[in-house]
């Protein structure tokens, strides 16, 4: 079978288009934010730790925190807070782009969470870190 130049050109064009598509797909994959904010909070009374974690995971808290700390809403929505069973500690993690954003987030987090929890729980920061 003799290869026609039109067929060879079509196959070569298809291969080039596939390679460009793969490169664009890989390039668009965004890695995790470079700075991780981690907070460990003590909750009083200890029975309210699940309540506090629920407030911290709520869309309202994430929105208010994002506004107060000046971070992008998409990053604020990735906040994760966990309260281990039978523990008075809540651990929260959030990825941000810069250390300045992380510092602003650390400063606003406990204050904002305490306001939203009201008198049902008292929150004290045990540990804060920027990695």
Foldseek 3Di string as FASTA:
>chain_A
DDDDPVNVVVVVVVVVVVVVVVVVVVVPDDDFAPKKKKWKKFKPPQVCQVVLQVLQQDLVLLVVLCVQLVFDSVQSNPKHWDDDPPGRMIMIMTHGHDVSSSVSSVVVPQVSSCVVCDPVMDMDIDDIDMD
